Protein backbone atom coordinates (compact mmCIF):
# COMPACT_ATOMS: atom_id res chain seq x y z
CA MET A 1 43.44 54.02 -30.71
CA ARG A 2 42.80 51.40 -33.41
CA THR A 3 45.28 51.94 -36.22
CA PHE A 4 46.27 50.51 -39.57
CA ILE A 5 48.60 51.21 -42.48
CA SER A 6 46.72 51.83 -45.70
CA ILE A 7 46.96 53.04 -49.28
CA GLU A 8 44.56 55.64 -50.62
CA PRO A 9 43.41 54.68 -54.13
CA PRO A 10 43.47 57.27 -56.93
CA GLU A 11 40.32 59.35 -57.50
CA ASN A 12 39.33 57.46 -60.68
CA ILE A 13 39.29 54.16 -58.74
CA LYS A 14 37.25 55.76 -55.96
CA GLN A 15 34.73 56.94 -58.54
CA LYS A 16 34.44 53.45 -60.05
CA LEU A 17 33.94 51.96 -56.59
CA ALA A 18 31.28 54.58 -55.82
CA LYS A 19 29.42 53.52 -58.99
CA LEU A 20 29.71 49.87 -57.97
CA LYS A 21 28.32 50.77 -54.56
CA GLU A 22 25.37 52.48 -56.23
CA ASN A 23 24.71 49.40 -58.39
CA LEU A 24 24.80 47.14 -55.34
CA LYS A 25 22.69 49.30 -53.05
CA SER A 26 19.94 46.66 -52.87
CA ALA A 27 22.48 44.12 -51.55
CA LYS A 28 23.00 43.97 -47.81
CA ILE A 29 26.59 45.20 -47.95
CA LYS A 30 27.95 47.98 -45.76
CA PHE A 31 30.13 50.39 -47.71
CA VAL A 32 32.17 53.30 -46.42
CA GLU A 33 31.81 56.75 -47.92
CA LYS A 34 33.94 57.52 -50.98
CA GLU A 35 36.12 59.89 -48.94
CA ASN A 36 37.02 57.05 -46.56
CA LEU A 37 37.94 54.40 -49.15
CA HIS A 38 41.35 52.84 -48.60
CA ILE A 39 43.24 49.58 -49.03
CA CYS A 40 44.33 48.22 -45.68
CA VAL A 41 47.90 46.91 -45.89
CA LYS A 42 48.38 46.06 -42.22
CA PHE A 43 46.02 46.29 -39.26
CA LEU A 44 47.99 47.30 -36.18
CA GLY A 45 45.22 47.18 -33.59
CA GLU A 46 45.28 49.25 -30.42
CA THR A 47 48.26 51.63 -30.54
CA THR A 48 49.41 54.38 -28.19
CA GLU A 49 50.05 57.93 -29.42
CA HIS A 50 53.77 57.47 -28.72
CA LYS A 51 53.88 54.31 -30.83
CA ILE A 52 51.98 56.04 -33.67
CA ASP A 53 54.69 58.71 -33.83
CA GLN A 54 57.34 55.98 -34.05
CA ILE A 55 55.41 54.19 -36.82
CA LYS A 56 55.06 57.43 -38.81
CA GLU A 57 58.79 58.10 -38.52
CA ALA A 58 59.63 54.58 -39.70
CA LEU A 59 57.28 54.92 -42.67
CA LYS A 60 58.83 58.28 -43.57
CA ARG A 61 62.33 56.80 -43.29
CA TYR A 62 61.45 54.17 -45.88
CA ARG A 63 59.54 56.72 -47.99
CA LEU A 64 56.26 54.92 -47.45
CA ILE A 65 54.54 58.05 -46.15
CA PHE A 66 54.58 61.56 -47.57
C-alpha cells in the first residue's frame, strides 16, 4: 500500500483552496476533491500493514497523531 504522513488543513483553508480551484478550472491542473486535501509531510512509498501499525504507534508516541 502506498502511504504518506500528512497534515489535514483547517476547513477555512480548504474552502479557500476550493475557491482557487474554481477560479483555475480553465487551467490544465488536476486538483483533488476538497475532502481529500492534505499537506504531504513525508511520502513513505510501499508499506506493509504491519509497518503501518508500527508507524501509527510511533506517531502516537510523539503525539503527532490523534
